[in-house]
Amino acid sequence: MEITRVQPFLEYFDRVHERTRKVVACVRLRALIETRGRGQLYFILDMRAVTTPPIYGLTSEDGRARSMQSATLRARERTELRPSPV
């Protein structure tokens, strides 16, 4: 297929995408259970528009949020442990 114009290609892509989503929506739960790895499971769940946690640990946003939370707690502990001036 040679792409000469963008609009017909986008229409074709939308048709194929919609047809694929309908096929994946028919996947039985048993097929999800019998997957051979996390990649397959995440692929099938993504096709069914199910949000999933990241496979390899925290996302960068989660890491930053936890880092800021930890820094705030440490700063609070330092101020609570200082002796009060007499």
N, C-alpha and C. Protein backbone atom coordinates (compact mmCIF):
# COMPACT_ATOMS: atom_id res chain seq x y z
N MET A 1 0.84 -1.18 0.00
CA MET A 1 0.00 0.00 0.00
C MET A 1 0.88 1.23 0.00
N GLU A 2 0.75 2.03 -1.00
CA GLU A 2 1.51 3.26 -1.09
C GLU A 2 0.65 4.40 -0.56
N ILE A 3 1.21 5.16 0.32
CA ILE A 3 0.47 6.28 0.93
C ILE A 3 0.78 7.54 0.13
N THR A 4 -0.23 8.04 -0.55
CA THR A 4 -0.04 9.27 -1.32
C THR A 4 -0.72 10.46 -0.65
N ARG A 5 -1.78 10.17 0.10
CA ARG A 5 -2.48 11.23 0.84
C ARG A 5 -2.71 10.76 2.27
N VAL A 6 -2.71 11.65 3.19
CA VAL A 6 -2.82 11.31 4.61
C VAL A 6 -4.24 10.92 5.00
N GLN A 7 -5.23 11.65 4.54
CA GLN A 7 -6.60 11.42 4.98
C GLN A 7 -7.11 10.00 4.69
N PRO A 8 -6.93 9.45 3.46
CA PRO A 8 -7.38 8.07 3.23
C PRO A 8 -6.66 7.06 4.11
N PHE A 9 -5.38 7.32 4.36
CA PHE A 9 -4.64 6.42 5.23
C PHE A 9 -5.21 6.45 6.65
N LEU A 10 -5.49 7.63 7.17
CA LEU A 10 -6.04 7.74 8.52
C LEU A 10 -7.40 7.07 8.62
N GLU A 11 -8.21 7.18 7.58
CA GLU A 11 -9.51 6.51 7.57
C GLU A 11 -9.33 4.99 7.58
N TYR A 12 -8.39 4.51 6.76
CA TYR A 12 -8.08 3.08 6.73
C TYR A 12 -7.59 2.61 8.11
N PHE A 13 -6.68 3.37 8.70
CA PHE A 13 -6.14 3.03 10.01
C PHE A 13 -7.25 2.96 11.05
N ASP A 14 -8.16 3.94 11.05
CA ASP A 14 -9.26 3.94 12.01
C ASP A 14 -10.15 2.72 11.84
N ARG A 15 -10.43 2.32 10.59
CA ARG A 15 -11.25 1.12 10.35
C ARG A 15 -10.57 -0.13 10.89
N VAL A 16 -9.28 -0.28 10.59
CA VAL A 16 -8.53 -1.45 11.06
C VAL A 16 -8.45 -1.45 12.59
N HIS A 17 -8.21 -0.29 13.16
CA HIS A 17 -8.09 -0.18 14.61
C HIS A 17 -9.41 -0.57 15.29
N GLU A 18 -10.51 -0.07 14.76
CA GLU A 18 -11.82 -0.39 15.35
C GLU A 18 -12.12 -1.89 15.22
N ARG A 19 -11.80 -2.47 14.08
CA ARG A 19 -12.03 -3.90 13.89
C ARG A 19 -11.17 -4.72 14.86
N THR A 20 -9.93 -4.30 15.07
CA THR A 20 -9.04 -5.00 16.00
C THR A 20 -9.57 -4.90 17.43
N ARG A 21 -10.04 -3.73 17.82
CA ARG A 21 -10.59 -3.56 19.17
C ARG A 21 -11.81 -4.46 19.38
N LYS A 22 -12.65 -4.64 18.35
CA LYS A 22 -13.81 -5.52 18.47
C LYS A 22 -13.37 -6.96 18.67
N VAL A 23 -12.34 -7.38 17.94
CA VAL A 23 -11.84 -8.76 18.08
C VAL A 23 -11.27 -8.97 19.48
N VAL A 24 -10.49 -8.01 19.94
CA VAL A 24 -9.87 -8.15 21.27
C VAL A 24 -10.93 -8.12 22.35
N ALA A 25 -12.01 -7.37 22.16
CA ALA A 25 -13.08 -7.32 23.15
C ALA A 25 -13.75 -8.68 23.32
N CYS A 26 -13.60 -9.53 22.32
CA CYS A 26 -14.20 -10.87 22.40
C CYS A 26 -13.28 -11.88 23.08
N VAL A 27 -12.07 -11.48 23.42
CA VAL A 27 -11.14 -12.40 24.06
C VAL A 27 -11.71 -12.80 25.41
N ARG A 28 -11.78 -14.09 25.64
CA ARG A 28 -12.35 -14.59 26.90
C ARG A 28 -11.37 -14.35 28.06
N LEU A 29 -11.90 -14.34 29.25
CA LEU A 29 -11.09 -14.18 30.45
C LEU A 29 -10.07 -15.31 30.56
N ARG A 30 -10.47 -16.50 30.14
CA ARG A 30 -9.55 -17.64 30.20
C ARG A 30 -8.28 -17.38 29.39
N ALA A 31 -8.42 -16.71 28.27
CA ALA A 31 -7.25 -16.38 27.46
C ALA A 31 -6.31 -15.45 28.21
N LEU A 32 -6.88 -14.56 29.02
CA LEU A 32 -6.04 -13.68 29.84
C LEU A 32 -5.27 -14.48 30.88
N ILE A 33 -5.93 -15.46 31.47
CA ILE A 33 -5.29 -16.26 32.52
C ILE A 33 -4.20 -17.14 31.94
N GLU A 34 -4.37 -17.61 30.71
CA GLU A 34 -3.41 -18.53 30.11
C GLU A 34 -2.27 -17.84 29.39
N THR A 35 -2.09 -16.55 29.58
CA THR A 35 -0.98 -15.87 28.92
C THR A 35 0.34 -16.37 29.45
N ARG A 36 1.36 -16.29 28.63
CA ARG A 36 2.66 -16.83 29.00
C ARG A 36 3.59 -15.83 29.67
N GLY A 37 3.21 -14.59 29.73
CA GLY A 37 4.07 -13.60 30.35
C GLY A 37 3.37 -12.28 30.57
N ARG A 38 4.04 -11.43 31.31
CA ARG A 38 3.44 -10.13 31.61
C ARG A 38 3.21 -9.31 30.36
N GLY A 39 4.14 -9.43 29.40
CA GLY A 39 4.00 -8.65 28.17
C GLY A 39 2.71 -8.96 27.45
N GLN A 40 2.39 -10.26 27.33
CA GLN A 40 1.15 -10.65 26.67
C GLN A 40 -0.06 -10.14 27.44
N LEU A 41 0.00 -10.30 28.75
CA LEU A 41 -1.12 -9.87 29.59
C LEU A 41 -1.34 -8.36 29.46
N TYR A 42 -0.25 -7.60 29.54
CA TYR A 42 -0.38 -6.16 29.44
C TYR A 42 -0.87 -5.74 28.06
N PHE A 43 -0.43 -6.46 27.00
CA PHE A 43 -0.89 -6.15 25.65
C PHE A 43 -2.40 -6.35 25.54
N ILE A 44 -2.88 -7.48 26.02
CA ILE A 44 -4.32 -7.77 25.93
C ILE A 44 -5.12 -6.78 26.77
N LEU A 45 -4.64 -6.50 27.98
CA LEU A 45 -5.37 -5.55 28.84
C LEU A 45 -5.37 -4.15 28.22
N ASP A 46 -4.27 -3.76 27.60
CA ASP A 46 -4.20 -2.46 26.95
C ASP A 46 -5.18 -2.39 25.78
N MET A 47 -5.29 -3.47 25.02
CA MET A 47 -6.23 -3.49 23.91
C MET A 47 -7.68 -3.41 24.40
N ARG A 48 -7.91 -3.85 25.64
CA ARG A 48 -9.26 -3.77 26.21
C ARG A 48 -9.46 -2.47 26.99
N ALA A 49 -8.49 -1.56 26.90
CA ALA A 49 -8.53 -0.24 27.54
C ALA A 49 -8.57 -0.34 29.06
N VAL A 50 -7.84 -1.33 29.62
CA VAL A 50 -7.73 -1.48 31.07
C VAL A 50 -6.41 -0.85 31.49
N THR A 51 -6.45 0.07 32.44
CA THR A 51 -5.20 0.68 32.90
C THR A 51 -4.45 -0.33 33.76
N THR A 52 -3.15 -0.36 33.59
CA THR A 52 -2.30 -1.32 34.30
C THR A 52 -1.16 -0.58 34.97
N PRO A 53 -0.63 -1.13 36.06
CA PRO A 53 0.55 -0.52 36.66
C PRO A 53 1.77 -0.75 35.78
N PRO A 54 2.81 0.04 35.93
CA PRO A 54 4.00 -0.16 35.11
C PRO A 54 4.64 -1.53 35.40
N ILE A 55 5.17 -2.16 34.37
CA ILE A 55 5.78 -3.49 34.53
C ILE A 55 7.08 -3.39 35.32
N TYR A 56 7.89 -2.39 35.03
CA TYR A 56 9.22 -2.31 35.62
C TYR A 56 9.30 -1.24 36.69
N GLY A 57 8.60 -1.40 37.77
CA GLY A 57 8.72 -0.48 38.89
C GLY A 57 7.93 0.80 38.71
N LEU A 58 8.40 1.84 39.37
CA LEU A 58 7.70 3.13 39.38
C LEU A 58 7.90 3.87 38.08
N THR A 59 6.93 4.71 37.75
CA THR A 59 7.12 5.64 36.65
C THR A 59 7.96 6.81 37.18
N SER A 60 8.47 7.63 36.28
CA SER A 60 9.30 8.75 36.73
C SER A 60 8.48 9.71 37.59
N GLU A 61 7.21 9.88 37.26
CA GLU A 61 6.35 10.77 38.05
C GLU A 61 6.16 10.23 39.47
N ASP A 62 5.94 8.91 39.58
CA ASP A 62 5.78 8.30 40.90
C ASP A 62 7.07 8.43 41.71
N GLY A 63 8.21 8.24 41.07
CA GLY A 63 9.49 8.37 41.75
C GLY A 63 9.71 9.77 42.29
N ARG A 64 9.39 10.77 41.47
CA ARG A 64 9.54 12.16 41.93
C ARG A 64 8.60 12.46 43.09
N ALA A 65 7.37 11.99 43.00
CA ALA A 65 6.40 12.24 44.07
C ALA A 65 6.86 11.61 45.37
N ARG A 66 7.33 10.37 45.30
CA ARG A 66 7.81 9.71 46.53
C ARG A 66 9.05 10.39 47.07
N SER A 67 9.92 10.86 46.19
CA SER A 67 11.13 11.55 46.62
C SER A 67 10.78 12.84 47.36
N MET A 68 9.85 13.61 46.81
CA MET A 68 9.42 14.85 47.45
C MET A 68 8.75 14.57 48.79
N GLN A 69 7.95 13.52 48.84
CA GLN A 69 7.27 13.14 50.07
C GLN A 69 8.30 12.76 51.14
N SER A 70 9.31 12.01 50.75
CA SER A 70 10.34 11.58 51.67
C SER A 70 11.15 12.78 52.18
N ALA A 71 11.48 13.70 51.28
CA ALA A 71 12.24 14.89 51.67
C ALA A 71 11.44 15.74 52.66
N THR A 72 10.15 15.86 52.45
CA THR A 72 9.28 16.62 53.35
C THR A 72 9.25 15.98 54.73
N LEU A 73 9.14 14.66 54.79
CA LEU A 73 9.13 13.97 56.08
C LEU A 73 10.46 14.14 56.82
N ARG A 74 11.58 14.03 56.10
CA ARG A 74 12.89 14.21 56.74
C ARG A 74 13.04 15.62 57.29
N ALA A 75 12.61 16.62 56.55
CA ALA A 75 12.70 18.01 57.01
C ALA A 75 11.84 18.21 58.25
N ARG A 76 10.67 17.61 58.27
CA ARG A 76 9.77 17.73 59.43
C ARG A 76 10.41 17.07 60.65
N GLU A 77 11.03 15.90 60.45
CA GLU A 77 11.68 15.21 61.58
C GLU A 77 12.82 16.04 62.14
N ARG A 78 13.60 16.67 61.26
CA ARG A 78 14.72 17.48 61.74
C ARG A 78 14.23 18.65 62.59
N THR A 79 13.15 19.28 62.19
CA THR A 79 12.67 20.42 62.96
C THR A 79 12.05 19.98 64.29
N GLU A 80 11.48 18.78 64.31
CA GLU A 80 10.89 18.29 65.56
C GLU A 80 11.94 17.85 66.57
N LEU A 81 13.11 17.41 66.07
CA LEU A 81 14.15 16.90 66.96
C LEU A 81 15.07 17.99 67.50
N ARG A 82 14.99 19.22 66.96
CA ARG A 82 15.84 20.30 67.45
C ARG A 82 15.42 20.68 68.87
N PRO A 83 16.40 20.90 69.72
CA PRO A 83 16.04 21.35 71.07
C PRO A 83 15.53 22.79 71.01
N SER A 84 14.53 23.06 71.79
CA SER A 84 13.96 24.40 71.79
C SER A 84 14.88 25.34 72.59
N PRO A 85 15.04 26.57 72.16
CA PRO A 85 15.89 27.52 72.90
C PRO A 85 15.27 27.87 74.23
N VAL A 86 16.09 27.93 75.24
CA VAL A 86 15.59 28.22 76.59
C VAL A 86 15.84 29.65 76.96
